[in-house]
N, C-alpha and C. Protein backbone atom coordinates (compact mmCIF):
# COMPACT_ATOMS: atom_id res chain seq x y z
N SER A 1 58.81 -94.39 199.79
CA SER A 1 58.82 -95.31 198.65
C SER A 1 57.70 -94.93 197.68
N GLU A 2 57.98 -95.13 196.40
CA GLU A 2 56.98 -94.80 195.38
C GLU A 2 55.88 -95.86 195.35
N GLN A 3 54.69 -95.41 194.97
CA GLN A 3 53.57 -96.33 194.86
C GLN A 3 53.07 -96.35 193.42
N ALA A 4 52.58 -97.52 192.99
CA ALA A 4 52.05 -97.65 191.64
C ALA A 4 50.75 -96.88 191.50
N LYS A 5 50.55 -96.31 190.32
CA LYS A 5 49.30 -95.59 190.06
C LYS A 5 48.20 -96.54 189.61
N ALA A 6 48.60 -97.66 189.05
CA ALA A 6 47.64 -98.68 188.61
C ALA A 6 48.26 -100.06 188.83
N VAL A 7 47.42 -101.02 189.18
CA VAL A 7 47.88 -102.39 189.42
C VAL A 7 46.96 -103.37 188.69
N ILE A 8 47.56 -104.36 188.03
CA ILE A 8 46.79 -105.43 187.38
C ILE A 8 47.09 -106.73 188.13
N VAL A 9 46.05 -107.38 188.62
CA VAL A 9 46.21 -108.65 189.33
C VAL A 9 45.69 -109.78 188.43
N ALA A 10 46.56 -110.75 188.15
CA ALA A 10 46.18 -111.88 187.29
C ALA A 10 46.73 -113.17 187.91
N THR A 11 46.26 -113.46 189.10
CA THR A 11 46.80 -114.59 189.87
C THR A 11 46.09 -115.92 189.59
N GLY A 12 45.02 -115.89 188.79
CA GLY A 12 44.39 -117.12 188.33
C GLY A 12 43.64 -117.90 189.40
N SER A 13 43.45 -119.17 189.11
CA SER A 13 42.75 -120.07 190.04
C SER A 13 43.42 -121.44 189.98
N THR A 14 43.16 -122.23 191.00
CA THR A 14 43.73 -123.57 191.09
C THR A 14 42.61 -124.59 191.20
N PRO A 15 42.56 -125.59 190.29
CA PRO A 15 41.52 -126.62 190.41
C PRO A 15 41.62 -127.34 191.74
N ARG A 16 40.48 -127.55 192.38
CA ARG A 16 40.48 -128.29 193.64
C ARG A 16 40.77 -129.76 193.39
N ARG A 17 41.46 -130.34 194.31
CA ARG A 17 41.68 -131.78 194.26
C ARG A 17 40.45 -132.48 194.85
N ALA A 18 40.08 -133.61 194.27
CA ALA A 18 38.93 -134.37 194.77
C ALA A 18 39.28 -135.11 196.05
N GLY A 19 40.55 -135.49 196.19
CA GLY A 19 41.00 -136.09 197.43
C GLY A 19 41.06 -137.60 197.47
N PHE A 20 40.95 -138.26 196.31
CA PHE A 20 41.00 -139.73 196.34
C PHE A 20 42.45 -140.23 196.23
N LYS A 21 42.66 -141.45 196.69
CA LYS A 21 43.98 -142.07 196.68
C LYS A 21 44.46 -142.24 195.23
N GLY A 22 45.69 -141.84 194.97
CA GLY A 22 46.25 -141.98 193.62
C GLY A 22 46.02 -140.76 192.74
N GLU A 23 45.24 -139.78 193.23
CA GLU A 23 44.93 -138.60 192.41
C GLU A 23 46.20 -137.83 192.05
N ASP A 24 47.03 -137.57 193.04
CA ASP A 24 48.27 -136.83 192.78
C ASP A 24 49.26 -137.67 191.97
N GLU A 25 49.31 -138.96 192.28
CA GLU A 25 50.25 -139.86 191.59
C GLU A 25 50.00 -139.90 190.09
N PHE A 26 48.72 -139.90 189.70
CA PHE A 26 48.38 -140.02 188.28
C PHE A 26 47.92 -138.71 187.65
N PHE A 27 48.12 -137.58 188.36
CA PHE A 27 47.74 -136.29 187.78
C PHE A 27 48.64 -136.02 186.57
N GLY A 28 47.99 -135.77 185.43
CA GLY A 28 48.74 -135.57 184.18
C GLY A 28 49.06 -136.88 183.49
N LYS A 29 48.72 -138.00 184.12
CA LYS A 29 48.95 -139.33 183.53
C LYS A 29 47.66 -140.15 183.58
N GLY A 30 46.54 -139.44 183.37
CA GLY A 30 45.22 -140.09 183.42
C GLY A 30 44.22 -139.31 184.22
N VAL A 31 44.70 -138.53 185.19
CA VAL A 31 43.82 -137.64 185.96
C VAL A 31 43.99 -136.23 185.40
N SER A 32 42.88 -135.62 185.00
CA SER A 32 42.93 -134.30 184.37
C SER A 32 41.83 -133.40 184.92
N THR A 33 42.02 -132.10 184.76
CA THR A 33 40.98 -131.13 185.14
C THR A 33 40.55 -130.29 183.94
N CYS A 34 40.88 -130.75 182.73
CA CYS A 34 40.53 -129.97 181.53
C CYS A 34 40.23 -130.90 180.36
N ALA A 35 38.95 -131.04 180.04
CA ALA A 35 38.55 -131.92 178.94
C ALA A 35 38.96 -131.36 177.58
N THR A 36 38.87 -130.05 177.42
CA THR A 36 39.25 -129.45 176.13
C THR A 36 40.75 -129.55 175.90
N CYS A 37 41.54 -129.65 177.00
CA CYS A 37 42.99 -129.80 176.87
C CYS A 37 43.38 -131.24 176.53
N ASP A 38 42.77 -132.18 177.23
CA ASP A 38 43.25 -133.57 177.19
C ASP A 38 42.28 -134.57 176.56
N GLY A 39 41.09 -134.12 176.20
CA GLY A 39 40.08 -135.05 175.69
C GLY A 39 40.52 -135.87 174.50
N PHE A 40 41.29 -135.26 173.58
CA PHE A 40 41.67 -135.97 172.34
C PHE A 40 42.60 -137.16 172.60
N PHE A 41 43.24 -137.19 173.79
CA PHE A 41 44.08 -138.34 174.14
C PHE A 41 43.25 -139.61 174.31
N TYR A 42 41.95 -139.44 174.51
CA TYR A 42 41.08 -140.58 174.83
C TYR A 42 40.05 -140.84 173.73
N LYS A 43 40.42 -140.51 172.50
CA LYS A 43 39.51 -140.73 171.37
C LYS A 43 39.15 -142.21 171.27
N ASN A 44 37.84 -142.46 171.22
CA ASN A 44 37.29 -143.83 171.11
C ASN A 44 37.63 -144.71 172.31
N LYS A 45 37.93 -144.10 173.45
CA LYS A 45 38.17 -144.84 174.69
C LYS A 45 37.12 -144.47 175.73
N GLU A 46 37.03 -145.24 176.79
CA GLU A 46 36.10 -144.93 177.87
C GLU A 46 36.79 -144.06 178.92
N VAL A 47 36.06 -143.06 179.43
CA VAL A 47 36.61 -142.17 180.46
C VAL A 47 35.55 -141.93 181.53
N ALA A 48 36.00 -141.38 182.66
CA ALA A 48 35.08 -141.00 183.73
C ALA A 48 35.17 -139.49 183.95
N VAL A 49 34.05 -138.92 184.38
CA VAL A 49 33.99 -137.51 184.77
C VAL A 49 33.46 -137.47 186.19
N LEU A 50 34.13 -136.71 187.05
CA LEU A 50 33.70 -136.59 188.44
C LEU A 50 33.20 -135.19 188.72
N GLY A 51 31.95 -135.08 189.20
CA GLY A 51 31.40 -133.78 189.55
C GLY A 51 29.92 -133.70 189.24
N GLY A 52 29.26 -132.65 189.76
CA GLY A 52 27.83 -132.51 189.55
C GLY A 52 27.38 -131.11 189.17
N GLY A 53 28.35 -130.24 188.89
CA GLY A 53 28.03 -128.87 188.51
C GLY A 53 27.94 -128.70 187.00
N ASP A 54 27.72 -127.47 186.56
CA ASP A 54 27.61 -127.18 185.13
C ASP A 54 28.85 -127.64 184.37
N THR A 55 30.03 -127.33 184.91
CA THR A 55 31.26 -127.68 184.21
C THR A 55 31.38 -129.19 184.00
N ALA A 56 31.10 -129.97 185.04
CA ALA A 56 31.21 -131.43 184.95
C ALA A 56 30.29 -132.00 183.87
N VAL A 57 29.03 -131.58 183.88
CA VAL A 57 28.06 -132.12 182.92
C VAL A 57 28.35 -131.64 181.51
N GLU A 58 28.72 -130.37 181.37
CA GLU A 58 29.05 -129.84 180.05
C GLU A 58 30.28 -130.53 179.47
N GLU A 59 31.28 -130.78 180.32
CA GLU A 59 32.49 -131.45 179.85
C GLU A 59 32.21 -132.92 179.53
N ALA A 60 31.27 -133.53 180.25
CA ALA A 60 30.87 -134.91 179.93
C ALA A 60 30.25 -134.96 178.53
N LEU A 61 29.43 -133.97 178.22
CA LEU A 61 28.82 -133.88 176.88
C LEU A 61 29.88 -133.67 175.82
N TYR A 62 30.86 -132.82 176.13
CA TYR A 62 31.97 -132.56 175.19
C TYR A 62 32.75 -133.85 174.93
N LEU A 63 33.07 -134.57 176.00
CA LEU A 63 33.85 -135.81 175.88
C LEU A 63 33.08 -136.90 175.14
N ALA A 64 31.75 -136.86 175.25
CA ALA A 64 30.92 -137.87 174.56
C ALA A 64 31.07 -137.77 173.04
N ASN A 65 31.52 -136.62 172.55
CA ASN A 65 31.76 -136.45 171.11
C ASN A 65 33.08 -137.09 170.68
N ILE A 66 33.95 -137.35 171.65
CA ILE A 66 35.29 -137.86 171.36
C ILE A 66 35.44 -139.31 171.79
N CYS A 67 34.93 -139.62 172.97
CA CYS A 67 35.15 -140.92 173.60
C CYS A 67 34.04 -141.92 173.28
N SER A 68 34.34 -143.19 173.48
CA SER A 68 33.34 -144.23 173.19
C SER A 68 32.28 -144.29 174.29
N LYS A 69 32.68 -143.92 175.53
CA LYS A 69 31.74 -143.91 176.65
C LYS A 69 32.24 -142.97 177.74
N VAL A 70 31.29 -142.32 178.42
CA VAL A 70 31.64 -141.42 179.52
C VAL A 70 30.83 -141.82 180.74
N TYR A 71 31.51 -142.14 181.84
CA TYR A 71 30.84 -142.40 183.11
C TYR A 71 30.82 -141.09 183.90
N LEU A 72 29.63 -140.60 184.22
CA LEU A 72 29.50 -139.37 184.99
C LEU A 72 29.24 -139.73 186.44
N VAL A 73 30.26 -139.53 187.27
CA VAL A 73 30.22 -139.94 188.67
C VAL A 73 29.93 -138.73 189.54
N HIS A 74 28.88 -138.84 190.38
CA HIS A 74 28.52 -137.73 191.27
C HIS A 74 28.17 -138.27 192.65
N ARG A 75 28.60 -137.57 193.67
CA ARG A 75 28.40 -138.06 195.05
C ARG A 75 26.96 -137.96 195.51
N ARG A 76 26.15 -137.13 194.84
CA ARG A 76 24.73 -137.01 195.21
C ARG A 76 23.84 -137.56 194.11
N ASP A 77 22.54 -137.60 194.39
CA ASP A 77 21.56 -137.98 193.36
C ASP A 77 21.15 -136.77 192.53
N GLU A 78 21.11 -135.61 193.19
CA GLU A 78 20.72 -134.36 192.52
C GLU A 78 21.94 -133.63 192.00
N PHE A 79 21.76 -132.95 190.86
CA PHE A 79 22.86 -132.21 190.25
C PHE A 79 22.68 -130.71 190.44
N ARG A 80 23.81 -130.01 190.63
CA ARG A 80 23.78 -128.54 190.72
C ARG A 80 23.73 -127.91 189.33
N ALA A 81 24.06 -128.68 188.33
CA ALA A 81 24.07 -128.18 186.95
C ALA A 81 22.65 -127.82 186.51
N ALA A 82 22.56 -126.98 185.48
CA ALA A 82 21.26 -126.57 184.94
C ALA A 82 20.46 -127.80 184.51
N PRO A 83 19.19 -127.88 184.88
CA PRO A 83 18.36 -129.05 184.55
C PRO A 83 18.35 -129.39 183.05
N THR A 84 18.37 -128.37 182.20
CA THR A 84 18.37 -128.63 180.76
C THR A 84 19.66 -129.32 180.32
N THR A 85 20.77 -128.95 180.95
CA THR A 85 22.06 -129.58 180.62
C THR A 85 22.08 -131.02 181.10
N VAL A 86 21.56 -131.26 182.30
CA VAL A 86 21.50 -132.62 182.85
C VAL A 86 20.62 -133.51 181.97
N GLU A 87 19.49 -132.96 181.54
CA GLU A 87 18.56 -133.72 180.69
C GLU A 87 19.20 -134.08 179.35
N LYS A 88 19.97 -133.14 178.82
CA LYS A 88 20.68 -133.39 177.56
C LYS A 88 21.69 -134.53 177.74
N ALA A 89 22.36 -134.54 178.89
CA ALA A 89 23.33 -135.61 179.16
C ALA A 89 22.63 -136.95 179.36
N ARG A 90 21.47 -136.93 180.01
CA ARG A 90 20.72 -138.18 180.24
C ARG A 90 20.26 -138.80 178.92
N LYS A 91 20.01 -137.96 177.94
CA LYS A 91 19.53 -138.45 176.64
C LYS A 91 20.68 -138.93 175.75
N ASN A 92 21.92 -138.63 176.17
CA ASN A 92 23.07 -139.04 175.37
C ASN A 92 23.42 -140.49 175.68
N GLU A 93 23.35 -141.34 174.68
CA GLU A 93 23.55 -142.78 174.88
C GLU A 93 24.96 -143.13 175.33
N LYS A 94 25.90 -142.24 175.10
CA LYS A 94 27.29 -142.52 175.47
C LYS A 94 27.59 -142.22 176.94
N ILE A 95 26.67 -141.52 177.61
CA ILE A 95 26.91 -141.11 178.99
C ILE A 95 26.13 -142.00 179.97
N GLU A 96 26.85 -142.60 180.90
CA GLU A 96 26.21 -143.40 181.95
C GLU A 96 26.35 -142.67 183.28
N PHE A 97 25.23 -142.41 183.94
CA PHE A 97 25.22 -141.73 185.22
C PHE A 97 25.48 -142.72 186.35
N ILE A 98 26.43 -142.40 187.21
CA ILE A 98 26.68 -143.18 188.43
C ILE A 98 26.57 -142.21 189.60
N THR A 99 25.40 -142.19 190.25
CA THR A 99 25.16 -141.23 191.32
C THR A 99 25.31 -141.87 192.70
N SER A 100 25.32 -141.02 193.73
CA SER A 100 25.57 -141.46 195.11
C SER A 100 26.84 -142.31 195.16
N ALA A 101 27.87 -141.82 194.48
CA ALA A 101 29.12 -142.56 194.38
C ALA A 101 30.31 -141.61 194.52
N THR A 102 31.39 -142.11 195.07
CA THR A 102 32.63 -141.35 195.18
C THR A 102 33.78 -142.20 194.65
N VAL A 103 34.84 -141.51 194.23
CA VAL A 103 36.03 -142.23 193.78
C VAL A 103 36.86 -142.57 195.01
N LYS A 104 37.14 -143.84 195.18
CA LYS A 104 37.91 -144.32 196.33
C LYS A 104 39.41 -144.31 196.02
N GLU A 105 39.75 -144.77 194.79
CA GLU A 105 41.16 -144.90 194.45
C GLU A 105 41.37 -144.93 192.94
N ALA A 106 42.50 -144.38 192.51
CA ALA A 106 42.92 -144.47 191.12
C ALA A 106 44.10 -145.43 191.05
N LEU A 107 44.05 -146.37 190.11
CA LEU A 107 45.10 -147.38 189.99
C LEU A 107 45.70 -147.36 188.58
N GLY A 108 46.95 -147.79 188.48
CA GLY A 108 47.60 -147.81 187.18
C GLY A 108 48.97 -148.42 187.25
N ASP A 109 49.76 -148.15 186.19
CA ASP A 109 51.14 -148.64 186.14
C ASP A 109 52.03 -147.52 185.67
N ASN A 110 53.23 -147.85 185.23
CA ASN A 110 54.17 -146.80 184.83
C ASN A 110 53.77 -146.08 183.55
N THR A 111 52.76 -146.61 182.84
CA THR A 111 52.27 -145.93 181.64
C THR A 111 51.16 -144.93 181.97
N GLY A 112 50.58 -145.07 183.16
CA GLY A 112 49.51 -144.16 183.56
C GLY A 112 48.33 -144.88 184.18
N LEU A 113 47.22 -144.15 184.28
CA LEU A 113 45.99 -144.67 184.90
C LEU A 113 45.40 -145.81 184.08
N THR A 114 44.92 -146.85 184.77
CA THR A 114 44.26 -147.95 184.08
C THR A 114 42.84 -148.21 184.60
N LYS A 115 42.59 -147.84 185.87
CA LYS A 115 41.25 -148.09 186.43
C LYS A 115 41.00 -147.21 187.65
N ILE A 116 39.72 -147.01 187.95
CA ILE A 116 39.35 -146.30 189.18
C ILE A 116 38.38 -147.17 189.97
N VAL A 117 38.48 -147.08 191.29
CA VAL A 117 37.60 -147.83 192.18
C VAL A 117 36.60 -146.86 192.79
N LEU A 118 35.31 -147.18 192.67
CA LEU A 118 34.25 -146.34 193.20
C LEU A 118 33.62 -146.95 194.44
N ASP A 119 33.19 -146.09 195.34
CA ASP A 119 32.31 -146.50 196.44
C ASP A 119 30.91 -146.08 196.04
N THR A 120 30.01 -147.02 195.81
CA THR A 120 28.65 -146.70 195.40
C THR A 120 27.66 -147.22 196.44
N LYS A 121 26.40 -146.83 196.29
CA LYS A 121 25.36 -147.29 197.22
C LYS A 121 25.14 -148.80 197.10
N ASN A 122 25.62 -149.38 196.01
CA ASN A 122 25.50 -150.83 195.81
C ASN A 122 26.82 -151.55 196.04
N GLY A 123 27.76 -150.87 196.71
CA GLY A 123 29.05 -151.48 196.98
C GLY A 123 30.14 -150.96 196.07
N GLU A 124 31.27 -151.60 196.11
CA GLU A 124 32.44 -151.18 195.33
C GLU A 124 32.25 -151.53 193.85
N ARG A 125 32.71 -150.60 193.00
CA ARG A 125 32.63 -150.84 191.55
C ARG A 125 33.93 -150.38 190.91
N VAL A 126 34.46 -151.17 190.00
CA VAL A 126 35.71 -150.83 189.31
C VAL A 126 35.40 -150.44 187.87
N LEU A 127 35.95 -149.31 187.44
CA LEU A 127 35.81 -148.87 186.05
C LEU A 127 37.18 -148.96 185.38
N ASP A 128 37.26 -149.70 184.29
CA ASP A 128 38.52 -149.82 183.55
C ASP A 128 38.61 -148.64 182.57
N VAL A 129 39.16 -147.56 183.05
CA VAL A 129 39.27 -146.34 182.24
C VAL A 129 40.71 -145.81 182.30
N PRO A 130 41.22 -145.29 181.19
CA PRO A 130 42.57 -144.71 181.19
C PRO A 130 42.57 -143.23 181.58
N GLY A 131 41.36 -142.66 181.76
CA GLY A 131 41.29 -141.24 182.08
C GLY A 131 40.10 -140.89 182.97
N ILE A 132 40.33 -139.99 183.92
CA ILE A 132 39.25 -139.43 184.73
C ILE A 132 39.43 -137.92 184.78
N PHE A 133 38.34 -137.21 184.53
CA PHE A 133 38.34 -135.74 184.54
C PHE A 133 37.60 -135.28 185.79
N THR A 134 38.28 -134.54 186.65
CA THR A 134 37.67 -134.11 187.91
C THR A 134 37.27 -132.64 187.83
N PHE A 135 36.01 -132.37 188.12
CA PHE A 135 35.49 -131.00 188.12
C PHE A 135 34.75 -130.76 189.43
N VAL A 136 35.53 -130.52 190.47
CA VAL A 136 34.96 -130.35 191.81
C VAL A 136 35.18 -128.93 192.32
N GLY A 137 35.35 -128.00 191.40
CA GLY A 137 35.46 -126.59 191.78
C GLY A 137 36.86 -126.03 191.64
N LEU A 138 36.95 -124.72 191.82
CA LEU A 138 38.22 -124.01 191.70
C LEU A 138 38.46 -123.16 192.94
N ASN A 139 39.70 -123.05 193.33
CA ASN A 139 40.08 -122.11 194.37
C ASN A 139 40.69 -120.89 193.70
N VAL A 140 40.01 -119.74 193.82
CA VAL A 140 40.50 -118.52 193.21
C VAL A 140 41.66 -117.97 194.05
N ASN A 141 42.77 -117.66 193.41
CA ASN A 141 43.95 -117.17 194.12
C ASN A 141 43.81 -115.68 194.40
N ASN A 142 43.02 -115.36 195.44
CA ASN A 142 42.66 -113.96 195.71
C ASN A 142 43.25 -113.40 197.00
N GLU A 143 44.14 -114.14 197.64
CA GLU A 143 44.69 -113.70 198.93
C GLU A 143 45.37 -112.34 198.83
N ILE A 144 45.95 -112.06 197.66
CA ILE A 144 46.68 -110.80 197.48
C ILE A 144 45.75 -109.58 197.57
N LEU A 145 44.45 -109.82 197.43
CA LEU A 145 43.48 -108.72 197.44
C LEU A 145 42.90 -108.46 198.83
N LYS A 146 43.48 -109.08 199.84
CA LYS A 146 43.02 -108.85 201.22
C LYS A 146 43.94 -107.87 201.94
N ASP A 147 43.34 -107.04 202.80
CA ASP A 147 44.14 -106.11 203.59
C ASP A 147 44.68 -106.80 204.84
N GLU A 148 45.31 -106.03 205.71
CA GLU A 148 45.93 -106.64 206.90
C GLU A 148 44.93 -107.25 207.86
N ASN A 149 43.65 -106.85 207.71
CA ASN A 149 42.59 -107.41 208.56
C ASN A 149 41.87 -108.60 207.91
N GLY A 150 42.34 -108.98 206.73
CA GLY A 150 41.74 -110.11 206.04
C GLY A 150 40.50 -109.77 205.23
N LYS A 151 40.24 -108.47 205.05
CA LYS A 151 39.07 -108.04 204.27
C LYS A 151 39.50 -107.70 202.85
N PHE A 152 38.61 -108.01 201.90
CA PHE A 152 38.93 -107.72 200.50
C PHE A 152 38.91 -106.21 200.24
N ILE A 153 39.83 -105.74 199.40
CA ILE A 153 39.96 -104.31 199.14
C ILE A 153 39.06 -103.84 198.00
N CYS A 154 38.39 -104.79 197.34
CA CYS A 154 37.47 -104.43 196.26
C CYS A 154 36.23 -105.33 196.34
N GLU A 155 35.23 -105.00 195.55
CA GLU A 155 33.97 -105.74 195.58
C GLU A 155 34.14 -107.12 194.96
N MET A 156 33.65 -108.12 195.67
CA MET A 156 33.81 -109.50 195.24
C MET A 156 32.48 -110.14 194.85
N ALA A 157 32.55 -111.14 193.98
CA ALA A 157 31.37 -111.92 193.59
C ALA A 157 31.39 -113.25 194.34
N ASP A 158 30.36 -114.05 194.16
CA ASP A 158 30.31 -115.36 194.79
C ASP A 158 31.46 -116.22 194.28
N GLY A 159 31.96 -117.08 195.14
CA GLY A 159 33.03 -117.98 194.73
C GLY A 159 34.41 -117.37 194.83
N GLY A 160 34.51 -116.16 195.40
CA GLY A 160 35.81 -115.54 195.60
C GLY A 160 36.38 -114.84 194.39
N GLN A 161 35.53 -114.65 193.37
CA GLN A 161 35.99 -113.93 192.18
C GLN A 161 35.71 -112.44 192.31
N VAL A 162 36.38 -111.64 191.49
CA VAL A 162 36.31 -110.19 191.59
C VAL A 162 35.29 -109.62 190.60
N LYS A 163 34.46 -108.72 191.09
CA LYS A 163 33.52 -108.03 190.21
C LYS A 163 34.27 -106.99 189.38
N THR A 164 34.05 -107.01 188.07
CA THR A 164 34.69 -106.03 187.18
C THR A 164 33.69 -105.54 186.15
N ASN A 165 34.06 -104.43 185.47
CA ASN A 165 33.31 -104.03 184.28
C ASN A 165 34.03 -104.59 183.05
N LEU A 166 33.59 -104.22 181.87
CA LEU A 166 34.19 -104.77 180.64
C LEU A 166 35.62 -104.28 180.41
N LYS A 167 36.03 -103.27 181.16
CA LYS A 167 37.40 -102.76 181.05
C LYS A 167 38.34 -103.40 182.07
N MET A 168 37.84 -104.41 182.77
CA MET A 168 38.59 -105.13 183.81
C MET A 168 38.88 -104.26 185.02
N GLN A 169 38.14 -103.14 185.17
CA GLN A 169 38.30 -102.26 186.32
C GLN A 169 37.49 -102.81 187.50
N THR A 170 38.11 -102.85 188.66
CA THR A 170 37.41 -103.28 189.87
C THR A 170 36.74 -102.08 190.52
N SER A 171 36.14 -102.30 191.68
CA SER A 171 35.48 -101.21 192.39
C SER A 171 36.49 -100.24 193.02
N LEU A 172 37.76 -100.66 193.08
CA LEU A 172 38.82 -99.80 193.61
C LEU A 172 39.54 -99.13 192.45
N LYS A 173 39.52 -97.82 192.41
CA LYS A 173 40.14 -97.08 191.30
C LYS A 173 41.61 -97.44 191.16
N GLY A 174 42.00 -97.74 189.93
CA GLY A 174 43.39 -98.08 189.66
C GLY A 174 43.71 -99.55 189.80
N LEU A 175 42.76 -100.33 190.28
CA LEU A 175 42.98 -101.78 190.42
C LEU A 175 42.22 -102.53 189.34
N PHE A 176 42.96 -103.29 188.54
CA PHE A 176 42.39 -104.06 187.44
C PHE A 176 42.72 -105.53 187.65
N VAL A 177 41.86 -106.41 187.15
CA VAL A 177 42.14 -107.84 187.23
C VAL A 177 41.95 -108.48 185.86
N ALA A 178 42.53 -109.66 185.68
CA ALA A 178 42.42 -110.36 184.40
C ALA A 178 42.49 -111.86 184.63
N GLY A 179 41.76 -112.60 183.80
CA GLY A 179 41.83 -114.06 183.86
C GLY A 179 40.84 -114.68 184.83
N ASP A 180 41.21 -115.86 185.35
CA ASP A 180 40.30 -116.65 186.19
C ASP A 180 39.84 -115.94 187.45
N ILE A 181 40.58 -114.94 187.88
CA ILE A 181 40.23 -114.24 189.12
C ILE A 181 39.00 -113.35 188.95
N ARG A 182 38.65 -113.03 187.72
CA ARG A 182 37.49 -112.14 187.52
C ARG A 182 36.19 -112.93 187.43
N GLU A 183 35.10 -112.25 187.69
CA GLU A 183 33.77 -112.86 187.66
C GLU A 183 33.44 -113.35 186.25
N ASP A 184 32.81 -114.51 186.17
CA ASP A 184 32.35 -115.11 184.91
C ASP A 184 33.47 -115.44 183.93
N ALA A 185 34.68 -115.65 184.42
CA ALA A 185 35.78 -116.03 183.53
C ALA A 185 35.55 -117.43 182.97
N PRO A 186 35.74 -117.62 181.65
CA PRO A 186 35.51 -118.94 181.05
C PRO A 186 36.58 -119.98 181.35
N LYS A 187 37.64 -119.58 182.06
CA LYS A 187 38.72 -120.50 182.46
C LYS A 187 39.46 -121.07 181.25
N GLN A 188 39.75 -120.20 180.28
CA GLN A 188 40.53 -120.59 179.11
C GLN A 188 41.69 -119.62 178.95
N VAL A 189 42.86 -120.14 178.58
CA VAL A 189 44.07 -119.32 178.48
C VAL A 189 43.88 -118.19 177.47
N ILE A 190 43.24 -118.48 176.34
CA ILE A 190 43.08 -117.47 175.29
C ILE A 190 42.24 -116.29 175.78
N VAL A 191 41.25 -116.58 176.64
CA VAL A 191 40.40 -115.51 177.20
C VAL A 191 41.19 -114.71 178.23
N ALA A 192 41.97 -115.41 179.07
CA ALA A 192 42.79 -114.73 180.08
C ALA A 192 43.78 -113.77 179.41
N ALA A 193 44.36 -114.21 178.28
CA ALA A 193 45.30 -113.36 177.55
C ALA A 193 44.60 -112.11 177.03
N GLY A 194 43.37 -112.29 176.54
CA GLY A 194 42.58 -111.14 176.09
C GLY A 194 42.26 -110.19 177.22
N ASP A 195 41.89 -110.78 178.38
CA ASP A 195 41.64 -109.97 179.58
C ASP A 195 42.87 -109.13 179.91
N GLY A 196 44.04 -109.74 179.81
CA GLY A 196 45.28 -109.05 180.15
C GLY A 196 45.52 -107.85 179.25
N ALA A 197 45.24 -108.02 177.95
CA ALA A 197 45.39 -106.92 177.01
C ALA A 197 44.42 -105.79 177.33
N VAL A 198 43.17 -106.15 177.64
CA VAL A 198 42.15 -105.15 177.99
C VAL A 198 42.56 -104.42 179.27
N ALA A 199 43.00 -105.17 180.26
CA ALA A 199 43.40 -104.58 181.53
C ALA A 199 44.58 -103.63 181.35
N ALA A 200 45.54 -104.01 180.51
CA ALA A 200 46.71 -103.17 180.26
C ALA A 200 46.31 -101.85 179.60
N LEU A 201 45.44 -101.93 178.59
CA LEU A 201 44.97 -100.72 177.91
C LEU A 201 44.18 -99.83 178.86
N SER A 202 43.36 -100.46 179.69
CA SER A 202 42.55 -99.71 180.65
C SER A 202 43.44 -99.03 181.70
N ALA A 203 44.47 -99.75 182.14
CA ALA A 203 45.39 -99.18 183.12
C ALA A 203 46.14 -97.99 182.54
N MET A 204 46.54 -98.10 181.27
CA MET A 204 47.21 -96.99 180.59
C MET A 204 46.31 -95.77 180.49
N SER A 205 45.05 -96.01 180.12
CA SER A 205 44.08 -94.91 180.02
C SER A 205 43.85 -94.26 181.37
N TYR A 206 43.79 -95.09 182.41
CA TYR A 206 43.58 -94.57 183.77
C TYR A 206 44.74 -93.68 184.19
N ILE A 207 45.96 -94.13 183.94
CA ILE A 207 47.13 -93.34 184.30
C ILE A 207 47.17 -92.01 183.53
N GLU A 208 46.82 -92.09 182.24
CA GLU A 208 46.78 -90.85 181.43
C GLU A 208 45.76 -89.85 181.99
N SER A 209 44.65 -90.39 182.52
CA SER A 209 43.59 -89.51 183.04
C SER A 209 44.00 -88.79 184.32
N LEU A 210 45.06 -89.26 184.96
CA LEU A 210 45.52 -88.63 186.20
C LEU A 210 46.35 -87.38 185.94
N HIS A 211 46.84 -87.23 184.70
CA HIS A 211 47.68 -86.07 184.37
C HIS A 211 46.84 -84.88 183.92
């Protein structure tokens, strides 16, 4: 059987589910994983953001420009996000921090989400919000890059992403990646499309170099 001279892998990533009751039921109807995609639906409304990393805090700041109030819910007291970003969020009057708290349940009706129930250190708390944005990490779809022994065939970065150069070339000659699967990907469709174009041109150049 013939083998490919170059391969481009663009399998993307999947947002992790937070795991609270009602999350799947209201996904796309109040539960979102992309503030830049869905933020404008909540103009001048109150929303919640779940998470404690850079993405969660940065998206809370972004939403504060659109929404009337943003509740930033985090299961710990300390944030993994950059201290300067956290400080900027703390100074924003529209953002209320709710720490040592988890989302217990999302509730709503046939129109979508209407409220979320939190478990906090001070007991149960209900937030009347039509939207919650969850940023609890991504699962990179990298299984295809493992050999029969379960080892990766190219050099990987932290978080299961692939190390590449600016040409989208991996450490394995002839193997290129594009989109969320690569290291430092901004997780935006327009960037992934650009990655794909770069990877395609690089793959063509690589094949030409073999002749």
